[in-house]
Protein backbone atom coordinates (compact mmCIF):
# COMPACT_ATOMS: atom_id res chain seq x y z
CA UNK A 1 0.00 0.00 0.00
CA UNK A 2 1.64 3.25 -1.14
CA UNK A 3 -0.92 6.03 -1.64
CA UNK A 4 -4.32 6.78 -0.10
CA UNK A 5 -6.84 9.41 -1.25
CA UNK A 6 -8.85 10.52 1.79
CA UNK A 7 -12.10 12.35 1.05
CA UNK A 8 -13.39 14.78 3.69
CA UNK A 9 -15.79 16.85 1.64
CA UNK A 10 -17.84 18.81 4.16
CA UNK A 11 -15.14 19.74 6.68
CA UNK A 12 -11.39 20.25 6.65
CA UNK A 13 -9.29 18.28 9.15
CA UNK A 14 -7.57 21.57 10.02
CA UNK A 15 -10.82 23.29 11.04
CA UNK A 16 -11.29 23.85 14.76
CA UNK A 17 -13.31 20.90 16.20
CA UNK A 18 -16.51 22.02 17.88
CA UNK A 19 -17.25 24.81 15.41
CA UNK A 20 -19.88 24.54 12.67
CA UNK A 21 -19.73 20.99 11.34
CA UNK A 22 -16.28 20.34 12.79
CA UNK A 23 -16.01 17.63 15.42
CA UNK A 24 -14.46 14.24 16.08
CA UNK A 25 -14.23 13.52 12.36
CA UNK A 26 -11.80 16.41 11.92
CA UNK A 27 -9.57 14.94 14.59
CA UNK A 28 -9.93 11.46 13.09
CA UNK A 29 -8.91 12.49 9.57
CA UNK A 30 -5.98 14.62 10.73
CA UNK A 31 -4.58 12.15 13.24
CA UNK A 32 -5.09 9.13 11.00
CA UNK A 33 -3.45 10.77 7.96
CA UNK A 34 -0.56 11.87 10.15
CA UNK A 35 -0.06 8.40 11.64
CA UNK A 36 -0.29 6.74 8.21
CA UNK A 37 2.22 9.18 6.73
CA UNK A 38 4.70 8.38 9.49
CA UNK A 39 4.32 4.70 8.65
CA UNK A 40 5.12 5.33 4.98
CA UNK A 41 1.65 5.65 3.41
CA UNK A 42 1.31 8.84 1.36
CA UNK A 43 -1.99 10.53 2.15
CA UNK A 44 -3.74 13.07 -0.09
CA UNK A 45 -6.70 14.55 1.79
CA UNK A 46 -9.31 16.29 -0.38
CA UNK A 47 -11.71 18.80 1.18
CA UNK A 48 -13.90 21.60 -0.14
CA UNK A 49 -12.33 25.06 -0.35
CA UNK A 50 -14.38 27.33 1.90
CA UNK A 51 -12.39 30.60 1.64
CA UNK A 52 -10.70 32.52 -1.21
CA UNK A 53 -7.55 32.85 0.92
CA UNK A 54 -6.88 29.11 1.02
CA UNK A 55 -4.02 27.67 -1.07
CA UNK A 56 -4.64 24.90 -3.60
CA UNK A 57 -2.80 22.53 -1.29
CA UNK A 58 -0.71 22.51 1.87
CA UNK A 59 1.80 19.97 3.14
CA UNK A 60 0.73 19.30 6.71
CA UNK A 61 3.77 17.09 7.21
CA UNK A 62 5.88 14.86 4.96
CA UNK A 63 3.56 12.36 3.30
CA UNK A 64 0.37 14.20 4.30
CA UNK A 65 -0.91 16.78 1.81
CA UNK A 66 -4.23 18.58 2.22
CA UNK A 67 -5.90 19.70 -1.02
CA UNK A 68 -8.53 22.45 -1.02
CA UNK A 69 -10.85 21.76 -3.93
CA UNK A 70 -13.29 24.42 -5.22
CA UNK A 71 -16.96 23.48 -5.32
CA UNK A 72 -19.66 26.11 -5.01
CA UNK A 73 -19.03 29.42 -3.24
CA UNK A 74 -15.72 30.02 -1.45
CA UNK A 75 -17.50 30.30 1.87
CA UNK A 76 -19.08 28.09 4.50
CA UNK A 77 -22.39 26.53 3.45
CA UNK A 78 -24.87 24.19 5.11
CA UNK A 79 -24.83 20.44 4.56
CA UNK A 80 -28.10 20.76 2.65
CA UNK A 81 -26.50 23.21 0.23
CA UNK A 82 -23.40 21.02 -0.05
CA UNK A 83 -25.51 18.39 -1.79
CA UNK A 84 -25.77 20.79 -4.75
CA UNK A 85 -22.00 20.97 -5.22
CA UNK A 86 -20.95 17.32 -4.81
CA UNK A 87 -20.71 16.64 -8.56
CA UNK A 88 -18.54 19.71 -9.05
CA UNK A 89 -16.34 18.67 -6.14
CA UNK A 90 -16.00 15.14 -7.53
CA UNK A 91 -14.99 16.35 -10.98
CA UNK A 92 -12.47 18.79 -9.55
CA UNK A 93 -10.92 16.13 -7.31
CA UNK A 94 -10.65 13.84 -10.33
CA UNK A 95 -9.01 16.60 -12.35
CA UNK A 96 -6.59 17.34 -9.51
CA UNK A 97 -5.60 13.67 -9.38
CA UNK A 98 -5.22 13.27 -13.13
CA UNK A 99 -3.06 16.39 -13.39
CA UNK A 100 -0.35 14.44 -11.54
CA UNK A 101 -0.31 10.76 -12.54
CA UNK A 102 1.80 9.92 -9.48
CA UNK A 103 -1.15 11.09 -7.36
CA UNK A 104 -3.45 8.27 -8.51
CA UNK A 105 -4.30 6.42 -5.30
CA UNK A 106 -4.17 2.73 -4.55
CA UNK A 107 -7.31 3.06 -2.42
CA UNK A 108 -9.91 5.78 -1.75
CA UNK A 109 -11.03 6.37 1.84
CA UNK A 110 -14.30 8.34 2.12
CA UNK A 111 -15.38 9.90 5.41
CA UNK A 112 -19.10 10.54 6.05
CA UNK A 113 -21.91 9.89 3.58
CA UNK A 114 -21.40 13.12 1.62
CA UNK A 115 -17.78 12.17 0.97
CA UNK A 116 -19.00 8.68 0.16
CA UNK A 117 -20.92 10.03 -2.84
CA UNK A 118 -17.65 11.38 -4.22
CA UNK A 119 -15.75 8.24 -3.22
CA UNK A 120 -18.29 6.05 -5.00
CA UNK A 121 -17.94 8.02 -8.23
CA UNK A 122 -14.13 8.14 -8.05
CA UNK A 123 -13.92 4.40 -7.45
CA UNK A 124 -15.46 3.74 -10.84
CA UNK A 125 -13.59 6.50 -12.66
CA UNK A 126 -10.19 5.46 -11.30
CA UNK A 127 -10.94 1.75 -10.86
CA UNK A 128 -9.50 1.52 -7.37
CA UNK A 129 -11.03 0.10 -4.16
CA UNK A 130 -13.22 2.22 -1.89
CA UNK A 131 -13.28 2.05 1.90
CA UNK A 132 -15.79 4.15 3.80
CA UNK A 133 -15.98 5.41 7.37
CA UNK A 134 -19.44 6.85 7.97
CA UNK A 135 -18.91 8.33 11.46
CA UNK A 136 -22.71 8.56 11.77
CA UNK A 137 -25.44 6.70 9.90
CA UNK A 138 -29.00 7.89 9.43
CA UNK A 139 -30.70 4.63 10.42
CA UNK A 140 -28.78 4.59 13.69
CA UNK A 141 -29.54 8.23 14.44
CA UNK A 142 -33.21 7.78 13.56
CA UNK A 143 -33.67 5.06 16.19
CA UNK A 144 -33.24 7.51 19.05
CA UNK A 145 -34.87 10.74 17.97
CA UNK A 146 -38.32 12.24 17.62
CA UNK A 147 -37.53 14.65 14.77
CA UNK A 148 -34.72 14.89 12.16
CA UNK A 149 -31.48 16.68 13.13
CA UNK A 150 -31.23 18.73 9.96
CA UNK A 151 -33.03 19.77 6.80
CA UNK A 152 -31.76 16.84 4.72
CA UNK A 153 -34.36 14.25 3.77
CA UNK A 154 -34.02 11.13 5.91
CA UNK A 155 -35.11 9.02 2.95
CA UNK A 156 -32.51 10.58 0.64
CA UNK A 157 -29.67 10.10 3.08
CA UNK A 158 -30.56 6.47 3.78
CA UNK A 159 -30.75 5.77 0.05
CA UNK A 160 -27.33 7.34 -0.51
CA UNK A 161 -25.80 5.53 2.46
CA UNK A 162 -27.17 2.22 1.21
CA UNK A 163 -25.78 2.86 -2.27
CA UNK A 164 -22.34 3.74 -0.89
CA UNK A 165 -22.31 0.73 1.44
CA UNK A 166 -23.30 -1.53 -1.44
CA UNK A 167 -20.31 -0.32 -3.48
CA UNK A 168 -17.69 -0.01 -0.73
CA UNK A 169 -15.07 -2.72 -0.92
CA UNK A 170 -14.86 -2.41 2.86
CA UNK A 171 -16.74 -0.39 5.47
CA UNK A 172 -14.83 0.65 8.57
CA UNK A 173 -16.36 0.59 12.05
CA UNK A 174 -14.79 1.89 15.24
CA UNK A 175 -15.99 -0.99 17.43
CA UNK A 176 -17.98 -4.21 17.38
CA UNK A 177 -21.18 -2.41 18.41
CA UNK A 178 -21.03 -0.15 15.36
CA UNK A 179 -20.06 -3.06 13.10
CA UNK A 180 -23.14 -5.02 14.16
CA UNK A 181 -25.41 -2.02 13.65
CA UNK A 182 -24.07 -1.35 10.15
CA UNK A 183 -24.44 -5.00 9.19
CA UNK A 184 -27.95 -5.47 10.59
CA UNK A 185 -29.51 -2.13 9.65
CA UNK A 186 -28.09 -1.96 6.12
CA UNK A 187 -28.03 -5.66 5.28
CA UNK A 188 -24.26 -5.76 4.76
CA UNK A 189 -22.35 -9.01 5.04
CA UNK A 190 -20.38 -8.80 8.28
CA UNK A 191 -17.20 -9.89 6.45
CA UNK A 192 -17.22 -6.55 4.61
CA UNK A 193 -17.03 -4.56 7.86
CA UNK A 194 -13.57 -4.10 9.41
CA UNK A 195 -13.12 -2.81 12.94
CA UNK A 196 -10.51 -0.05 13.10
CA UNK A 197 -10.68 1.62 16.54
CA UNK A 198 -9.75 5.28 16.87
CA UNK A 199 -6.80 6.45 18.92
CA UNK A 200 -5.78 9.19 21.30
CA UNK A 201 -2.64 11.31 21.36
CA UNK A 202 -1.17 10.46 24.76
CA UNK A 203 1.48 13.18 24.38
CA UNK A 204 -1.31 15.73 24.92
CA UNK A 205 -3.99 13.71 26.67
CA UNK A 206 -2.60 12.32 29.92
CA UNK A 207 -3.18 12.86 33.64
CA UNK A 208 -1.88 16.10 35.17
CA UNK A 209 -2.23 18.55 38.04
CA UNK A 210 -5.84 19.62 38.40
CA UNK A 211 -5.23 22.96 40.11
CA UNK A 212 -2.60 24.01 37.57
CA UNK A 213 -4.95 23.10 34.74
CA UNK A 214 -7.73 25.18 36.26
CA UNK A 215 -5.46 28.17 36.73
CA UNK A 216 -4.29 27.89 33.12
CA UNK A 217 -7.84 28.20 31.80
CA UNK A 218 -9.15 30.65 34.41
CA UNK A 219 -11.41 28.39 36.46
CA UNK A 220 -11.87 28.14 40.23
CA UNK A 221 -9.30 25.88 41.91
CA UNK A 222 -11.81 24.80 44.55
CA UNK A 223 -15.01 22.85 44.03
CA UNK A 224 -16.06 19.88 41.89
CA UNK A 225 -16.01 20.40 38.14
CA UNK A 226 -18.34 18.65 35.70
CA UNK A 227 -17.25 18.91 32.04
CA UNK A 228 -19.23 18.73 28.81
CA UNK A 229 -17.33 18.94 25.51
CA UNK A 230 -19.12 18.82 22.18
CA UNK A 231 -20.97 20.64 19.47
CA UNK A 232 -24.14 22.28 20.75
CA UNK A 233 -26.84 20.41 18.87
CA UNK A 234 -29.66 18.01 19.86
CA UNK A 235 -27.59 14.91 19.03
CA UNK A 236 -24.96 15.67 21.68
CA UNK A 237 -27.38 16.23 24.57
CA UNK A 238 -26.12 19.57 25.87
CA UNK A 239 -29.61 20.19 27.25
CA UNK A 240 -29.42 17.00 29.32
CA UNK A 241 -25.99 18.05 30.59
CA UNK A 242 -27.40 21.30 31.95
CA UNK A 243 -30.56 19.69 33.33
CA UNK A 244 -28.49 16.97 35.05
CA UNK A 245 -26.27 19.56 36.68
CA UNK A 246 -29.31 21.53 37.85
CA UNK A 247 -30.52 18.43 39.67
CA UNK A 248 -27.29 17.99 41.63
CA UNK A 249 -26.58 21.68 42.27
CA UNK A 250 -28.12 21.79 45.76
CA UNK A 251 -26.77 18.41 46.84
CA UNK A 252 -23.21 19.25 45.72
CA UNK A 253 -23.09 22.98 46.51
CA UNK A 254 -19.47 23.49 45.49
CA UNK A 255 -19.91 21.88 42.06
CA UNK A 256 -19.79 23.83 38.81
CA UNK A 257 -20.37 22.91 35.16
CA UNK A 258 -18.11 23.78 32.23
CA UNK A 259 -19.56 23.63 28.70
CA UNK A 260 -17.03 23.67 25.84
CA UNK A 261 -18.41 23.90 22.30
CA UNK A 262 -20.19 25.99 19.72
CA UNK A 263 -23.50 25.81 17.86
CA UNK A 264 -23.71 23.26 15.07
CA UNK A 265 -26.30 22.58 12.42
CA UNK A 266 -29.65 24.31 11.86
CA UNK A 267 -30.77 23.79 15.46
CA UNK A 268 -27.53 24.79 17.21
CA UNK A 269 -28.51 28.38 17.99
CA UNK A 270 -31.83 27.19 19.36
CA UNK A 271 -30.08 24.68 21.63
CA UNK A 272 -27.83 27.36 23.09
CA UNK A 273 -30.82 29.60 23.74
CA UNK A 274 -32.66 26.71 25.41
CA UNK A 275 -29.85 25.66 27.73
CA UNK A 276 -29.01 29.22 28.76
CA UNK A 277 -32.68 29.73 29.57
CA UNK A 278 -32.53 26.68 31.87
CA UNK A 279 -29.37 28.03 33.52
CA UNK A 280 -31.06 31.36 34.20
CA UNK A 281 -34.27 29.73 35.44
CA UNK A 282 -32.37 27.54 37.90
CA UNK A 283 -30.28 30.53 39.02
CA UNK A 284 -27.04 28.82 38.09
CA UNK A 285 -25.47 31.55 35.97
CA UNK A 286 -22.55 31.87 38.40
CA UNK A 287 -21.96 28.09 38.36
CA UNK A 288 -22.09 27.31 34.64
CA UNK A 289 -19.17 28.42 32.48
CA UNK A 290 -19.48 28.53 28.69
CA UNK A 291 -16.34 28.30 26.56
CA UNK A 292 -15.98 28.56 22.81
CA UNK A 293 -14.49 25.52 21.02
CA UNK A 294 -10.84 25.07 21.98
CA UNK A 295 -7.76 24.03 19.99
CA UNK A 296 -7.41 20.29 20.35
CA UNK A 297 -4.15 20.42 22.30
CA UNK A 298 -5.62 23.01 24.71
CA UNK A 299 -8.64 20.82 25.36
CA UNK A 300 -6.48 18.50 27.47
CA UNK A 301 -6.28 21.21 30.15
CA UNK A 302 -10.07 21.20 30.43
CA UNK A 303 -10.08 17.43 30.94
CA UNK A 304 -7.34 17.61 33.57
CA UNK A 305 -9.21 20.38 35.35
CA UNK A 306 -12.37 18.31 35.71
CA UNK A 307 -13.58 15.75 38.24
CA UNK A 308 -16.00 14.00 35.88
CA UNK A 309 -16.84 14.11 32.19
CA UNK A 310 -20.42 14.08 30.98
CA UNK A 311 -21.29 12.58 27.56
CA UNK A 312 -25.10 12.41 27.23
CA UNK A 313 -25.13 11.92 23.44
CA UNK A 314 -28.16 10.37 21.80
CA UNK A 315 -25.91 8.32 19.53
CA UNK A 316 -22.12 7.97 19.15
CA UNK A 317 -20.37 5.76 16.63
CA UNK A 318 -17.24 5.99 18.81
CA UNK A 319 -17.13 8.87 21.31
CA UNK A 320 -13.69 10.46 21.09
CA UNK A 321 -14.45 12.90 23.92
CA UNK A 322 -14.94 9.99 26.33
CA UNK A 323 -11.61 8.46 25.29
CA UNK A 324 -9.70 11.74 25.62
CA UNK A 325 -11.19 12.32 29.07
CA UNK A 326 -10.21 8.79 30.13
CA UNK A 327 -6.66 9.35 28.86
CA UNK A 328 -6.46 12.32 31.24
CA UNK A 329 -7.60 10.10 34.12
CA UNK A 330 -11.12 11.50 34.26
CA UNK A 331 -14.09 9.17 34.90
CA UNK A 332 -16.96 9.60 32.45
CA UNK A 333 -20.72 9.36 32.87
CA UNK A 334 -22.01 8.57 29.38
CA UNK A 335 -25.01 7.32 27.46
CA UNK A 336 -25.06 3.57 27.03
CA UNK A 337 -24.96 3.78 23.23
CA UNK A 338 -22.67 2.93 20.32
CA UNK A 339 -18.93 3.16 20.85
CA UNK A 340 -19.38 4.60 24.35
CA UNK A 341 -20.20 1.04 25.44
CA UNK A 342 -16.59 0.09 24.72
CA UNK A 343 -14.94 3.27 26.04
CA UNK A 344 -16.57 3.29 29.48
CA UNK A 345 -16.35 0.28 31.78
CA UNK A 346 -19.40 0.60 34.00
CA UNK A 347 -18.28 0.87 37.62
CA UNK A 348 -14.59 0.59 36.72
CA UNK A 349 -13.76 3.71 34.66
CA UNK A 350 -17.07 5.56 34.81
CA UNK A 351 -20.75 4.83 34.37
CA UNK A 352 -23.04 4.05 31.44
CA UNK A 353 -26.57 5.44 31.62
CA UNK A 354 -29.17 3.24 29.94
CA UNK A 355 -32.22 5.36 30.73
CA UNK A 356 -31.09 8.62 29.11
CA UNK A 357 -32.74 11.11 31.46
CA UNK A 358 -31.40 14.00 33.51
CA UNK A 359 -32.36 12.15 36.71
CA UNK A 360 -30.24 9.14 35.79
CA UNK A 361 -27.21 11.18 34.76
CA UNK A 362 -27.54 13.18 37.97
CA UNK A 363 -27.61 9.99 40.04
CA UNK A 364 -24.26 8.83 38.66
CA UNK A 365 -22.70 12.29 38.80
CA UNK A 366 -23.44 12.39 42.52
CA UNK A 367 -21.81 8.98 43.01
CA UNK A 368 -18.55 10.23 41.47
CA UNK A 369 -18.53 13.67 43.08
CA UNK A 370 -19.55 12.74 46.64
CA UNK A 371 -17.30 9.75 47.25
CA UNK A 372 -13.52 10.36 46.90
CA UNK A 373 -12.84 6.72 47.74
CA UNK A 374 -14.91 5.74 44.70
CA UNK A 375 -13.58 8.46 42.41
CA UNK A 376 -9.91 7.48 42.77
CA UNK A 377 -10.21 3.93 41.40
CA UNK A 378 -12.46 5.26 38.62
CA UNK A 379 -9.69 7.70 37.65
CA UNK A 380 -7.14 4.90 37.59
CA UNK A 381 -9.50 2.68 35.61
CA UNK A 382 -10.15 5.41 33.04
CA UNK A 383 -6.44 6.05 32.48
CA UNK A 384 -5.72 2.32 32.23
CA UNK A 385 -8.51 1.73 29.69
CA UNK A 386 -7.25 4.48 27.40
CA UNK A 387 -3.73 3.06 27.04
CA UNK A 388 -4.84 0.48 24.49
CA UNK A 389 -5.98 3.21 22.06
CA UNK A 390 -3.18 4.80 20.00
CA UNK A 391 -3.30 6.44 16.58
CA UNK A 392 -0.29 4.43 15.43
CA UNK A 393 -2.23 1.23 16.13
CA UNK A 394 -5.20 2.66 14.24
CA UNK A 395 -2.99 3.35 11.24
CA UNK A 396 -1.36 -0.10 11.37
CA UNK A 397 -4.77 -1.78 11.47
CA UNK A 398 -5.99 0.29 8.52
CA UNK A 399 -2.84 -0.50 6.55
CA UNK A 400 -3.62 -4.20 6.99
CA UNK A 401 -7.16 -3.66 5.68
CA UNK A 402 -5.91 -1.68 2.68
CA UNK A 403 -3.23 -4.22 1.83
CA UNK A 404 -5.84 -6.99 1.79
CA UNK A 405 -8.08 -4.91 -0.48
CA UNK A 406 -5.40 -4.23 -3.07
CA UNK A 407 -4.84 -7.97 -3.39
CA UNK A 408 -8.53 -8.61 -4.21
CA UNK A 409 -10.63 -7.95 -7.25
CA UNK A 410 -12.57 -4.71 -7.24
CA UNK A 411 -16.07 -5.16 -5.84
CA UNK A 412 -18.77 -4.63 -8.45
CA UNK A 413 -21.89 -2.79 -7.30
CA UNK A 414 -24.74 -5.22 -6.78
């Protein structure tokens, strides 16, 4: 395996996670491409140009080149509008590749369903295998919601996801839970799903001095800190985070909540308005701190500053926030869904909440915050669990998958 074309259409891996549509996928693409490059796989990452000031390409590090490809206006646009420009993006990526014959990839790796549309087309034009990481899938999201998360037709997205899955030579899942869901919900033979767990950068995310971390980011050095990190949108459960904290506020009078993240998607602004209204109603303005999205390396200080992480997501294919918190020795109270099932060992590194209500999250938050004798082993358990997740291992596992693919015949769409 020599060269990999990574498609990240709707968001650049260099965009600040937690802003707009940027999140764990940004971290995934950047860290994976970096780890692969260091192992000798040349990675060309193709993303949509969203500003006139961007260069055509930038070398992030040797073997990892990020290409900004024009498609539609040179500005940020919604995911719904991005659908209109996919064909233009695909043609421009193809032209960029064909301009330099040595850039023709051995395998295409598409990230998210929008990128999968491009990956599917490029597979047939270049006649190379396609692997797809979906990060989220509509059928999985639809199981746990009352209304759609965005303005994109649920039917359209499911149809596109099914088409991409049907043509992917291999679909990547972050854990066995996600692999089973992909296979059962989309009727995919389990042999065509490879588990490639994500990693964590232990150079940044590791245990440290709590008081020093709090001073560095301007937070009180006394009291118990509850931390929520994520995009502010219905999927991530920021409202449940605030409601859960409100329920423990009187019982743990020195506790405070830190919310790190920005609005995302068409309902993001509404979510922020809603949770700030709850904060004001419960008279907790002085105990809830809101921070804009932070550079990834700075985020580690927020984890180290906290006593417990809160991840009340409705769905999570993996749950990178939970892993990063664990790497910093922070126990996590998380929804019992998706990849979070594998990243939190109930009672050993944190707690999994099956009944996703503010009352249930509050119950487990109190357990961690009120009992130091319980919190200490949870911290040790969280740090220990995280050690088996490294980006180098992720890259090595993916290299194995790609090597196997290049030795097989190209899958023909059924």
